[in-house]
Amino acid sequence: MPGAEDTLARLAANFLLGLLTNGAPDLQREKVAASGLGHYFRAITVSGEHGIGKPCEEIFQILLRELGCEAAEAVMVGNSLSRDIEGARRAGLGKTVWLKVEGSEEFADVEPDHTITRLAELPDLLQACTRE
């Protein structure tokens, strides 16, 4: 995704980052390793390692425990309304940000707190959220 490394570097300077992904452990861990971006995340939780996945609130709680973070302090950024945003709401996360990727939009009965279309928008948005 364009700008991913720059965005993660900016975020990691100010925020504790975690990655929550659905899928088979070997494949997901391989994807993270191949991206070269894994070092930006304090914790990485792969659903297949726990037998549950998004949108189940338990998988969000596992990542929050690994991060040592309270749900109300956390912000979920995801590209799926039904898995990421709905799951984060169920788990009581403080804010949700939908990364609306052109060509993969979805419709669900859940409203994110914020919507972005480019990762580069995220650092300024999160800085603004911390001032609210």
Protein backbone atom coordinates (compact mmCIF):
# COMPACT_ATOMS: atom_id res chain seq x y z
CA MET A 1 0.00 0.00 0.00
CA PRO A 2 1.48 3.35 -0.98
CA GLY A 3 3.00 5.24 1.93
CA ALA A 4 2.74 2.36 4.39
CA GLU A 5 6.30 2.51 5.68
CA ASP A 6 6.36 6.29 6.05
CA THR A 7 3.00 6.22 7.82
CA LEU A 8 4.03 3.44 10.19
CA ALA A 9 7.31 5.21 11.01
CA ARG A 10 5.42 8.40 11.89
CA LEU A 11 2.87 6.50 13.96
CA ALA A 12 5.43 4.36 15.79
CA ALA A 13 7.16 7.52 17.00
CA ASN A 14 4.05 8.52 18.95
CA PHE A 15 1.83 5.48 19.38
CA LEU A 16 2.01 1.85 20.45
CA LEU A 17 1.13 -0.19 17.36
CA GLY A 18 -0.46 -3.61 17.14
CA LEU A 19 -1.47 -5.69 14.15
CA LEU A 20 -4.52 -7.94 14.16
CA THR A 21 -5.03 -10.14 11.12
CA ASN A 22 -7.37 -12.97 10.22
CA GLY A 23 -5.93 -16.01 8.52
CA ALA A 24 -3.65 -19.00 8.67
CA PRO A 25 -0.63 -18.35 10.92
CA ASP A 26 2.09 -19.44 8.47
CA LEU A 27 0.69 -17.39 5.60
CA GLN A 28 0.00 -14.28 7.67
CA ARG A 29 3.41 -14.36 9.39
CA GLU A 30 5.04 -14.83 5.97
CA LYS A 31 3.18 -11.80 4.61
CA VAL A 32 4.30 -9.65 7.54
CA ALA A 33 7.91 -10.80 7.15
CA ALA A 34 7.87 -10.20 3.38
CA SER A 35 6.50 -6.69 3.86
CA GLY A 36 9.47 -5.69 6.01
CA LEU A 37 7.07 -3.73 8.24
CA GLY A 38 6.71 -6.10 11.19
CA HIS A 39 9.23 -4.22 13.34
CA TYR A 40 6.83 -1.27 13.63
CA PHE A 41 4.36 -3.36 15.64
CA ARG A 42 4.79 -4.05 19.36
CA ALA A 43 2.43 -7.04 19.04
CA ILE A 44 1.06 -9.05 16.12
CA THR A 45 -1.95 -11.27 16.66
CA VAL A 46 -2.95 -13.80 14.00
CA SER A 47 -6.44 -15.23 14.35
CA GLY A 48 -5.43 -18.72 13.23
CA GLU A 49 -3.12 -19.05 16.22
CA HIS A 50 -6.09 -18.63 18.57
CA GLY A 51 -8.94 -20.36 16.74
CA ILE A 52 -11.03 -17.17 16.63
CA GLY A 53 -11.02 -14.19 14.33
CA LYS A 54 -12.42 -10.77 13.71
CA PRO A 55 -15.15 -9.71 14.41
CA CYS A 56 -15.13 -11.80 17.63
CA GLU A 57 -14.32 -9.45 20.46
CA GLU A 58 -12.05 -12.04 22.13
CA ILE A 59 -9.39 -11.69 19.41
CA PHE A 60 -9.28 -7.94 19.99
CA GLN A 61 -8.90 -8.56 23.73
CA ILE A 62 -5.94 -10.88 23.07
CA LEU A 63 -4.13 -8.16 21.14
CA LEU A 64 -4.96 -5.54 23.77
CA ARG A 65 -3.47 -7.78 26.49
CA GLU A 66 -0.33 -8.31 24.42
CA LEU A 67 -0.02 -4.55 24.05
CA GLY A 68 -0.85 -3.82 27.68
CA CYS A 69 -3.52 -1.42 26.49
CA GLU A 70 -7.04 -0.70 27.70
CA ALA A 71 -9.79 -1.00 25.09
CA ALA A 72 -11.01 2.55 25.65
CA GLU A 73 -7.53 3.88 24.82
CA ALA A 74 -7.26 1.93 21.56
CA VAL A 75 -8.05 2.92 18.01
CA MET A 76 -8.83 0.28 15.41
CA VAL A 77 -7.83 1.09 11.84
CA GLY A 78 -9.15 -1.40 9.34
CA ASN A 79 -10.43 -1.86 5.83
CA SER A 80 -13.45 -4.02 6.68
CA LEU A 81 -16.56 -2.53 8.21
CA SER A 82 -18.02 -5.91 9.16
CA ARG A 83 -14.85 -7.46 10.61
CA ASP A 84 -12.61 -4.60 11.76
CA ILE A 85 -14.99 -1.81 12.69
CA GLU A 86 -17.85 -3.96 14.01
CA GLY A 87 -15.42 -6.17 15.95
CA ALA A 88 -13.70 -3.16 17.49
CA ARG A 89 -17.05 -1.75 18.57
CA ARG A 90 -18.03 -5.06 20.19
CA ALA A 91 -14.69 -5.12 22.02
CA GLY A 92 -15.21 -1.58 23.34
CA LEU A 93 -12.33 0.11 21.54
CA GLY A 94 -12.26 3.87 21.94
CA LYS A 95 -12.29 4.88 18.27
CA THR A 96 -12.57 3.27 14.87
CA VAL A 97 -11.10 4.37 11.54
CA TRP A 98 -12.22 2.77 8.30
CA LEU A 99 -9.62 2.71 5.54
CA LYS A 100 -11.97 2.83 2.58
CA VAL A 101 -10.00 1.25 -0.24
CA GLU A 102 -11.28 2.10 -3.70
CA GLY A 103 -12.70 -0.95 -5.42
CA SER A 104 -13.21 -2.91 -2.21
CA GLU A 105 -15.84 -0.82 -0.50
CA GLU A 106 -18.34 -2.72 1.55
CA PHE A 107 -21.64 -1.86 3.10
CA ALA A 108 -22.56 -2.83 6.65
CA ASP A 109 -24.80 -1.58 9.44
CA VAL A 110 -21.89 -0.04 11.31
CA GLU A 111 -20.54 3.49 11.19
CA PRO A 112 -16.87 4.14 11.86
CA ASP A 113 -15.86 7.17 13.87
CA HIS A 114 -13.68 8.29 10.97
CA THR A 115 -13.15 7.31 7.34
CA ILE A 116 -9.92 7.77 5.38
CA THR A 117 -8.97 6.82 1.83
CA ARG A 118 -5.18 7.03 2.15
CA LEU A 119 -2.85 5.80 4.90
CA ALA A 120 -1.05 9.15 4.82
CA GLU A 121 -4.16 10.72 6.43
CA LEU A 122 -3.78 8.58 9.55
CA PRO A 123 -1.04 10.29 11.60
CA ASP A 124 -2.74 13.69 11.61
CA LEU A 125 -6.13 12.12 12.34
CA LEU A 126 -4.77 10.16 15.31
CA GLN A 127 -2.98 13.22 16.66
CA ALA A 128 -6.30 15.08 16.50
CA CYS A 129 -8.07 12.19 18.27
CA THR A 130 -5.62 12.33 21.16
CA ARG A 131 -6.50 15.98 21.70
CA GLU A 132 -10.27 15.27 21.88
